PDB file of N, CA and C in Angstrom:
ATOM      1  N   MET A   1       7.913   1.657   3.231  1.00  0.00           N
ATOM      2  CA  MET A   1       8.149   0.256   2.618  1.00  0.00           C
ATOM      3  C   MET A   1       7.043   0.204   1.548  1.00  0.00           C
ATOM      4  N   ASN A   2       7.171  -0.745   0.475  1.00  0.00           N
ATOM      5  CA  ASN A   2       5.986  -1.156  -0.272  1.00  0.00           C
ATOM      6  C   ASN A   2       5.902  -2.544   0.312  1.00  0.00           C
ATOM      7  N   PHE A   3       4.642  -2.500   0.912  1.00  0.00           N
ATOM      8  CA  PHE A   3       3.944  -3.737   1.196  1.00  0.00           C
ATOM      9  C   PHE A   3       3.627  -5.035  -0.169  1.00  0.00           C
ATOM     10  N   GLN A   4       3.408  -4.489  -1.132  1.00  0.00           N
ATOM     11  CA  GLN A   4       3.553  -5.097  -2.299  1.00  0.00           C
ATOM     12  C   GLN A   4       4.692  -5.787  -2.427  1.00  0.00           C
ATOM     13  N   THR A   5       5.633  -5.009  -2.666  1.00  0.00           N
ATOM     14  CA  THR A   5       7.606  -5.762  -3.077  1.00  0.00           C
ATOM     15  C   THR A   5       7.634  -7.213  -1.886  1.00  0.00           C
ATOM     16  N   VAL A   6       7.244  -6.486  -0.680  1.00  0.00           N
ATOM     17  CA  VAL A   6       7.501  -7.540   0.056  1.00  0.00           C
ATOM     18  C   VAL A   6       7.264  -8.450   0.346  1.00  0.00           C
ATOM     19  N   GLN A   7       5.640  -8.367  -0.004  1.00  0.00           N
ATOM     20  CA  GLN A   7       4.724  -9.077  -0.187  1.00  0.00           C
ATOM     21  C   GLN A   7       5.012 -10.559  -1.216  1.00  0.00           C
ATOM     22  N   ARG A   8       5.625 -10.001  -2.410  1.00  0.00           N
ATOM     23  CA  ARG A   8       6.213 -10.563  -3.625  1.00  0.00           C
ATOM     24  C   ARG A   8       7.257 -11.374  -3.240  1.00  0.00           C
ATOM     25  N   ILE A   9       8.338 -10.687  -2.678  1.00  0.00           N
ATOM     26  CA  ILE A   9       9.704 -11.429  -2.036  1.00  0.00           C
ATOM     27  C   ILE A   9       9.451 -12.447  -1.116  1.00  0.00           C
ATOM     28  N   LEU A  10       8.986 -12.221  -0.182  1.00  0.00           N
ATOM     29  CA  LEU A  10       8.509 -13.386   0.968  1.00  0.00           C
ATOM     30  C   LEU A  10       7.935 -14.840   0.634  1.00  0.00           C
ATOM     31  N   GLY A  11       6.477 -14.418  -0.959  1.00  0.00           N
ATOM     32  CA  GLY A  11       6.228 -15.638  -1.573  1.00  0.00           C
ATOM     33  C   GLY A  11       7.068 -15.964  -2.619  1.00  0.00           C
ATOM     34  N   GLN A  12       7.915 -15.215  -3.267  1.00  0.00           N
ATOM     35  CA  GLN A  12       9.357 -16.252  -3.532  1.00  0.00           C
ATOM     36  C   GLN A  12      10.086 -16.894  -2.954  1.00  0.00           C
ATOM     37  N   LEU A  13      11.048 -16.164  -1.272  1.00  0.00           N
ATOM     38  CA  LEU A  13      11.666 -17.024  -1.080  1.00  0.00           C
ATOM     39  C   LEU A  13      10.618 -18.622  -0.179  1.00  0.00           C
ATOM     40  N   LEU A  14       9.204 -18.135   0.147  1.00  0.00           N
ATOM     41  CA  LEU A  14       8.679 -19.115   0.484  1.00  0.00           C
ATOM     42  C   LEU A  14       8.684 -20.264  -0.445  1.00  0.00           C
ATOM     43  N   MET A  15       8.325 -20.464  -1.981  1.00  0.00           N
ATOM     44  CA  MET A  15       8.563 -21.082  -2.707  1.00  0.00           C
ATOM     45  C   MET A  15       9.919 -21.761  -3.257  1.00  0.00           C
ATOM     46  N   LEU A  16      10.584 -20.932  -3.132  1.00  0.00           N
ATOM     47  CA  LEU A  16      12.319 -21.458  -2.785  1.00  0.00           C
ATOM     48  C   LEU A  16      12.437 -22.284  -2.123  1.00  0.00           C
ATOM     49  N   PHE A  17      12.473 -21.791  -0.997  1.00  0.00           N
ATOM     50  CA  PHE A  17      12.509 -22.950   0.451  1.00  0.00           C
ATOM     51  C   PHE A  17      11.511 -24.210   0.499  1.00  0.00           C
ATOM     52  N   SER A  18      10.473 -24.095  -0.615  1.00  0.00           N
ATOM     53  CA  SER A  18      10.185 -25.393  -0.324  1.00  0.00           C
ATOM     54  C   SER A  18      10.917 -26.310  -1.171  1.00  0.00           C
ATOM     55  N   VAL A  19      11.549 -26.114  -1.930  1.00  0.00           N
ATOM     56  CA  VAL A  19      12.464 -26.896  -2.589  1.00  0.00           C
ATOM     57  C   VAL A  19      13.313 -27.809  -1.712  1.00  0.00           C
ATOM     58  N   THR A  20      13.516 -27.014  -0.790  1.00  0.00           N
ATOM     59  CA  THR A  20      14.478 -27.954   0.002  1.00  0.00           C
ATOM     60  C   THR A  20      13.971 -28.889   0.536  1.00  0.00           C
ATOM     61  N   MET A  21      12.389 -29.020   0.496  1.00  0.00           N
ATOM     62  CA  MET A  21      12.082 -30.187   1.392  1.00  0.00           C
ATOM     63  C   MET A  21      12.091 -31.899   0.045  1.00  0.00           C
ATOM     64  N   LEU A  22      12.636 -31.221  -1.128  1.00  0.00           N
ATOM     65  CA  LEU A  22      12.730 -32.178  -2.440  1.00  0.00           C
ATOM     66  C   LEU A  22      13.959 -33.511  -2.006  1.00  0.00           C
ATOM     67  N   PRO A  23      15.118 -32.790  -1.610  1.00  0.00           N
ATOM     68  CA  PRO A  23      16.213 -34.172  -1.431  1.00  0.00           C
ATOM     69  C   PRO A  23      15.950 -35.151  -0.637  1.00  0.00           C
ATOM     70  N   PRO A  24      15.172 -34.643   0.329  1.00  0.00           N
ATOM     71  CA  PRO A  24      14.973 -35.651   1.271  1.00  0.00           C
ATOM     72  C   PRO A  24      14.001 -36.265   0.742  1.00  0.00           C
ATOM     73  N   VAL A  25      12.949 -36.471   0.158  1.00  0.00           N
ATOM     74  CA  VAL A  25      11.795 -36.913  -0.801  1.00  0.00           C
ATOM     75  C   VAL A  25      13.175 -38.216  -1.579  1.00  0.00           C
ATOM     76  N   GLY A  26      14.207 -37.490  -2.157  1.00  0.00           N
ATOM     77  CA  GLY A  26      14.562 -38.499  -2.885  1.00  0.00           C
ATOM     78  C   GLY A  26      15.302 -39.458  -1.767  1.00  0.00           C
ATOM     79  N   VAL A  27      15.818 -38.826  -0.991  1.00  0.00           N
ATOM     80  CA  VAL A  27      16.941 -39.731  -0.120  1.00  0.00           C
ATOM     81  C   VAL A  27      15.659 -40.787   0.199  1.00  0.00           C
ATOM     82  N   SER A  28      14.963 -40.658   1.104  1.00  0.00           N
ATOM     83  CA  SER A  28      13.908 -41.319   1.262  1.00  0.00           C
ATOM     84  C   SER A  28      13.567 -42.429   0.550  1.00  0.00           C
ATOM     85  N   LEU A  29      12.911 -42.091  -0.653  1.00  0.00           N
ATOM     86  CA  LEU A  29      12.987 -43.017  -1.900  1.00  0.00           C
ATOM     87  C   LEU A  29      13.667 -44.292  -2.374  1.00  0.00           C
ATOM     88  N   TYR A  30      15.032 -43.453  -1.970  1.00  0.00           N
ATOM     89  CA  TYR A  30      16.561 -44.327  -2.731  1.00  0.00           C
ATOM     90  C   TYR A  30      16.625 -45.143  -1.429  1.00  0.00           C
ATOM     91  N   PHE A  31      16.549 -45.283  -0.032  1.00  0.00           N
ATOM     92  CA  PHE A  31      16.916 -45.768   1.009  1.00  0.00           C
ATOM     93  C   PHE A  31      15.493 -46.550   0.882  1.00  0.00           C
ATOM     94  N   GLY A  32      14.207 -46.337   0.571  1.00  0.00           N
ATOM     95  CA  GLY A  32      12.819 -47.331   0.796  1.00  0.00           C
ATOM     96  C   GLY A  32      12.747 -46.755   2.251  1.00  0.00           C
ATOM     97  N   ASP A  33      12.522 -45.922   3.293  1.00  0.00           N
ATOM     98  CA  ASP A  33      12.359 -45.646   4.441  1.00  0.00           C
ATOM     99  C   ASP A  33      11.399 -45.930   5.021  1.00  0.00           C
ATOM    100  N   GLY A  34      10.052 -45.316   3.975  1.00  0.00           N
ATOM    101  CA  GLY A  34       9.281 -44.893   3.667  1.00  0.00           C
ATOM    102  C   GLY A  34       8.439 -43.556   4.530  1.00  0.00           C
ATOM    103  N   HIS A  35       9.154 -42.722   4.810  1.00  0.00           N
ATOM    104  CA  HIS A  35       9.313 -41.685   5.288  1.00  0.00           C
ATOM    105  C   HIS A  35       8.990 -40.161   4.705  1.00  0.00           C
ATOM    106  N   TRP A  36       9.244 -40.711   3.290  1.00  0.00           N
ATOM    107  CA  TRP A  36       9.008 -39.244   2.301  1.00  0.00           C
ATOM    108  C   TRP A  36       7.773 -38.936   2.405  1.00  0.00           C
ATOM    109  N   GLN A  37       6.197 -39.159   3.012  1.00  0.00           N
ATOM    110  CA  GLN A  37       5.577 -38.480   2.821  1.00  0.00           C
ATOM    111  C   GLN A  37       5.323 -36.873   3.456  1.00  0.00           C
ATOM    112  N   PRO A  38       5.836 -37.059   4.832  1.00  0.00           N
ATOM    113  CA  PRO A  38       5.915 -35.766   5.730  1.00  0.00           C
ATOM    114  C   PRO A  38       6.839 -34.263   4.586  1.00  0.00           C
ATOM    115  N   PHE A  39       7.657 -35.250   4.180  1.00  0.00           N
ATOM    116  CA  PHE A  39       8.349 -34.157   3.351  1.00  0.00           C
ATOM    117  C   PHE A  39       8.023 -33.739   1.914  1.00  0.00           C
ATOM    118  N   PHE A  40       6.779 -34.457   1.638  1.00  0.00           N
ATOM    119  CA  PHE A  40       6.646 -34.266   0.324  1.00  0.00           C
ATOM    120  C   PHE A  40       5.506 -33.154   0.717  1.00  0.00           C
ATOM    121  N   ASP A  41       4.500 -33.409   1.744  1.00  0.00           N
ATOM    122  CA  ASP A  41       3.641 -32.414   2.070  1.00  0.00           C
ATOM    123  C   ASP A  41       3.916 -31.140   2.486  1.00  0.00           C
ATOM    124  N   SER A  42       4.966 -30.980   3.192  1.00  0.00           N
ATOM    125  CA  SER A  42       5.726 -29.911   3.589  1.00  0.00           C
ATOM    126  C   SER A  42       6.201 -29.042   2.158  1.00  0.00           C
ATOM    127  N   PHE A  43       6.790 -29.911   1.200  1.00  0.00           N
ATOM    128  CA  PHE A  43       7.038 -29.603   0.136  1.00  0.00           C
ATOM    129  C   PHE A  43       5.604 -28.228  -0.614  1.00  0.00           C
ATOM    130  N   CYS A  44       4.528 -29.217  -0.790  1.00  0.00           N
ATOM    131  CA  CYS A  44       3.567 -28.855  -1.095  1.00  0.00           C
ATOM    132  C   CYS A  44       2.546 -27.285  -0.647  1.00  0.00           C
ATOM    133  N   GLY A  45       2.748 -28.052   0.923  1.00  0.00           N
ATOM    134  CA  GLY A  45       2.342 -26.847   1.439  1.00  0.00           C
ATOM    135  C   GLY A  45       2.751 -25.954   1.286  1.00  0.00           C
ATOM    136  N   MET A  46       4.482 -25.548   1.928  1.00  0.00           N
ATOM    137  CA  MET A  46       5.296 -24.310   1.353  1.00  0.00           C
ATOM    138  C   MET A  46       5.078 -23.818   0.225  1.00  0.00           C
ATOM    139  N   LEU A  47       5.174 -24.616  -0.977  1.00  0.00           N
ATOM    140  CA  LEU A  47       4.650 -23.674  -2.268  1.00  0.00           C
ATOM    141  C   LEU A  47       3.202 -23.211  -2.108  1.00  0.00           C
ATOM    142  N   ALA A  48       2.288 -23.795  -2.037  1.00  0.00           N
ATOM    143  CA  ALA A  48       1.068 -23.489  -2.177  1.00  0.00           C
ATOM    144  C   ALA A  48       0.674 -22.188  -1.613  1.00  0.00           C
ATOM    145  N   VAL A  49       1.759 -21.774   0.044  1.00  0.00           N
ATOM    146  CA  VAL A  49       0.875 -20.775   0.379  1.00  0.00           C
ATOM    147  C   VAL A  49       2.255 -19.468  -0.380  1.00  0.00           C
ATOM    148  N   GLY A  50       3.810 -20.052  -0.664  1.00  0.00           N
ATOM    149  CA  GLY A  50       4.351 -19.134  -1.443  1.00  0.00           C
ATOM    150  C   GLY A  50       3.691 -18.910  -2.413  1.00  0.00           C
ATOM    151  N   ALA A  51       3.254 -19.549  -3.581  1.00  0.00           N
ATOM    152  CA  ALA A  51       2.383 -18.797  -4.448  1.00  0.00           C
ATOM    153  C   ALA A  51       1.179 -18.041  -4.312  1.00  0.00           C
ATOM    154  N   LEU A  52       0.307 -18.546  -3.085  1.00  0.00           N
ATOM    155  CA  LEU A  52      -0.580 -17.711  -2.648  1.00  0.00           C
ATOM    156  C   LEU A  52      -0.386 -16.082  -2.234  1.00  0.00           C
ATOM    157  N   ILE A  53       0.772 -16.099  -1.629  1.00  0.00           N
ATOM    158  CA  ILE A  53       1.460 -14.946  -1.193  1.00  0.00           C
ATOM    159  C   ILE A  53       1.488 -14.284  -2.056  1.00  0.00           C
ATOM    160  N   TRP A  54       2.447 -14.894  -2.844  1.00  0.00           N
ATOM    161  CA  TRP A  54       3.279 -14.099  -4.223  1.00  0.00           C
ATOM    162  C   TRP A  54       2.244 -13.764  -5.422  1.00  0.00           C
ATOM    163  N   TRP A  55       1.300 -14.480  -5.698  1.00  0.00           N
ATOM    164  CA  TRP A  55       0.155 -14.531  -7.173  1.00  0.00           C
ATOM    165  C   TRP A  55      -0.404 -12.551  -7.017  1.00  0.00           C
ATOM    166  N   PRO A  56      -1.048 -12.622  -6.103  1.00  0.00           N
ATOM    167  CA  PRO A  56      -1.263 -11.067  -5.643  1.00  0.00           C
ATOM    168  C   PRO A  56      -0.726 -10.063  -6.156  1.00  0.00           C
ATOM    169  N   ALA A  57       0.742  -9.902  -5.628  1.00  0.00           N
ATOM    170  CA  ALA A  57       1.688  -9.144  -5.848  1.00  0.00           C
ATOM    171  C   ALA A  57       2.896  -9.320  -6.853  1.00  0.00           C
ATOM    172  N   ARG A  58       2.691  -9.926  -7.824  1.00  0.00           N
ATOM    173  CA  ARG A  58       3.440 -10.894  -8.881  1.00  0.00           C
ATOM    174  C   ARG A  58       3.981  -9.726  -9.944  1.00  0.00           C
ATOM    175  N   LYS A  59       2.925  -8.676  -9.835  1.00  0.00           N
ATOM    176  CA  LYS A  59       4.113  -7.666 -10.544  1.00  0.00           C
ATOM    177  C   LYS A  59       3.854  -6.323 -10.064  1.00  0.00           C
ATOM    178  N   ALA A  60       4.322  -6.396  -8.768  1.00  0.00           N
ATOM    179  CA  ALA A  60       4.774  -5.152  -7.963  1.00  0.00           C
ATOM    180  C   ALA A  60       6.276  -5.170  -7.941  1.00  0.00           C
ATOM    181  N   HIS A  61       6.854  -4.323  -9.355  1.00  0.00           N
ATOM    182  CA  HIS A  61       7.918  -3.911  -8.928  1.00  0.00           C
ATOM    183  C   HIS A  61       8.516  -2.634  -8.823  1.00  0.00           C
ATOM    184  N   ARG A  62       9.194  -2.266  -7.995  1.00  0.00           N
ATOM    185  CA  ARG A  62       9.440  -0.981  -7.163  1.00  0.00           C
ATOM    186  C   ARG A  62      10.711  -0.352  -7.821  1.00  0.00           C
ATOM    187  N   ASP A  63      10.781   0.773  -8.313  1.00  0.00           N
ATOM    188  CA  ASP A  63      12.528   1.064  -8.970  1.00  0.00           C
ATOM    189  C   ASP A  63      12.913   1.817  -7.676  1.00  0.00           C
ATOM    190  N   SER A  64      13.790   0.516  -6.712  1.00  0.00           N
ATOM    191  CA  SER A  64      14.867   1.311  -6.103  1.00  0.00           C
ATOM    192  C   SER A  64      16.136   1.560  -6.145  1.00  0.00           C
ATOM    193  N   ASP A  65      16.199   1.260  -7.890  1.00  0.00           N
ATOM    194  CA  ASP A  65      17.933   1.328  -8.078  1.00  0.00           C
ATOM    195  C   ASP A  65      18.464   2.673  -7.712  1.00  0.00           C
ATOM    196  N   SER A  66      16.841   4.029  -7.808  1.00  0.00           N
ATOM    197  CA  SER A  66      17.892   5.468  -7.762  1.00  0.00           C
ATOM    198  C   SER A  66      18.385   5.523  -6.124  1.00  0.00           C
ATOM    199  N   ARG A  67      17.661   4.939  -5.421  1.00  0.00           N
ATOM    200  CA  ARG A  67      17.491   5.099  -4.044  1.00  0.00           C
ATOM    201  C   ARG A  67      18.936   4.392  -3.515  1.00  0.00           C
ATOM    202  N   ARG A  68      19.303   3.068  -4.116  1.00  0.00           N
ATOM    203  CA  ARG A  68      20.260   2.292  -4.172  1.00  0.00           C
ATOM    204  C   ARG A  68      21.732   3.064  -4.613  1.00  0.00           C
ATOM    205  N   ARG A  69      21.545   3.791  -5.695  1.00  0.00           N
ATOM    206  CA  ARG A  69      22.820   4.469  -5.951  1.00  0.00           C
ATOM    207  C   ARG A  69      23.107   5.391  -5.202  1.00  0.00           C
ATOM    208  N   ALA A  70      21.968   5.945  -4.950  1.00  0.00           N
ATOM    209  CA  ALA A  70      22.235   7.329  -3.621  1.00  0.00           C
ATOM    210  C   ALA A  70      23.097   7.103  -2.466  1.00  0.00           C
ATOM    211  N   GLY A  71      22.098   5.749  -2.075  1.00  0.00           N
ATOM    212  CA  GLY A  71      22.834   5.238  -0.382  1.00  0.00           C
ATOM    213  C   GLY A  71      24.209   5.098  -0.794  1.00  0.00           C
ATOM    214  N   THR A  72      24.545   4.317  -2.102  1.00  0.00           N
ATOM    215  CA  THR A  72      26.155   3.694  -2.209  1.00  0.00           C
ATOM    216  C   THR A  72      27.415   4.896  -2.463  1.00  0.00           C
ATOM    217  N   ARG A  73      26.148   5.927  -3.184  1.00  0.00           N
ATOM    218  CA  ARG A  73      27.389   6.951  -3.442  1.00  0.00           C
ATOM    219  C   ARG A  73      27.636   7.559  -1.791  1.00  0.00           C
ATOM    220  N   SER A  74      26.558   7.997  -1.149  1.00  0.00           N
ATOM    221  CA  SER A  74      26.632   8.642  -0.180  1.00  0.00           C
ATOM    222  C   SER A  74      27.758   7.909   1.269  1.00  0.00           C
ATOM    223  N   TRP A  75      27.658   6.507   1.083  1.00  0.00           N
ATOM    224  CA  TRP A  75      28.262   5.715   1.647  1.00  0.00           C
ATOM    225  C   TRP A  75      29.998   5.877   1.505  1.00  0.00           C
ATOM    226  N   GLY A  76      29.967   5.826   0.042  1.00  0.00           N
ATOM    227  CA  GLY A  76      31.211   6.028  -0.633  1.00  0.00           C
ATOM    228  C   GLY A  76      32.055   7.550  -0.008  1.00  0.00           C
ATOM    229  N   SER A  77      31.078   8.553  -0.522  1.00  0.00           N
ATOM    230  CA  SER A  77      31.851   9.889  -0.303  1.00  0.00           C
ATOM    231  C   SER A  77      31.862   9.810   1.413  1.00  0.00           C
ATOM    232  N   ASP A  78      31.240   9.099   1.997  1.00  0.00           N
ATOM    233  CA  ASP A  78      31.475   9.194   3.715  1.00  0.00           C
ATOM    234  C   ASP A  78      32.841   8.679   4.270  1.00  0.00           C
ATOM    235  N   HIS A  79      32.857   7.614   3.140  1.00  0.00           N
ATOM    236  CA  HIS A  79      34.113   6.781   3.615  1.00  0.00           C
ATOM    237  C   HIS A  79      35.332   6.966   3.240  1.00  0.00           C
ATOM    238  N   LYS A  80      35.519   7.807   2.204  1.00  0.00           N
ATOM    239  CA  LYS A  80      36.462   9.040   1.398  1.00  0.00           C
ATOM    240  C   LYS A  80      36.615   9.836   2.630  1.00  0.00           C
ATOM    241  N   ALA A  81      36.020  10.547   3.382  1.00  0.00           N
ATOM    242  CA  ALA A  81      35.879  11.351   3.852  1.00  0.00           C
ATOM    243  C   ALA A  81      36.796  10.961   5.248  1.00  0.00           C
ATOM    244  N   LYS A  82      36.042  10.053   5.544  1.00  0.00           N
ATOM    245  CA  LYS A  82      36.654   9.346   7.100  1.00  0.00           C
ATOM    246  C   LYS A  82      38.374   9.405   6.992  1.00  0.00           C
ATOM    247  N   LEU A  83      38.563   8.100   5.512  1.00  0.00           N
ATOM    248  CA  LEU A  83      40.003   8.214   5.239  1.00  0.00           C
ATOM    249  C   LEU A  83      40.975   9.070   4.858  1.00  0.00           C
ATOM    250  N   ARG A  84      40.505  10.680   4.534  1.00  0.00           N
ATOM    251  CA  ARG A  84      40.785  11.667   4.571  1.00  0.00           C
ATOM    252  C   ARG A  84      41.761  12.276   6.000  1.00  0.00           C
ATOM    253  N   ARG A  85      40.305  11.818   6.747  1.00  0.00           N
ATOM    254  CA  ARG A  85      40.700  12.691   8.125  1.00  0.00           C
ATOM    255  C   ARG A  85      41.846  12.009   9.105  1.00  0.00           C
ATOM    256  N   ARG A  86      41.816  10.976   8.611  1.00  0.00           N
ATOM    257  CA  ARG A  86      43.322   9.776   9.339  1.00  0.00           C
ATOM    258  C   ARG A  86      44.527  10.434   8.816  1.00  0.00           C
TER     259      ARG A  86
END
């Protein structure tokens, strides 16, 4: 397994998950309850951590397409063989 690829994807997922903190900020500001700050702080923190994880590995792209196709082909042929046995 390529560590940089995992690092890149993990950073992207953290940055994407940080966006889920924005709707509570909007709802809190809309209703004026004054509790928007923890959500905004969580958004900024997760975005920063995700960016720090993602940045060093942002150009790490591994060609896994050939392996993915090989796995699909072997599963398909195995699946067809099992159907023939029935």
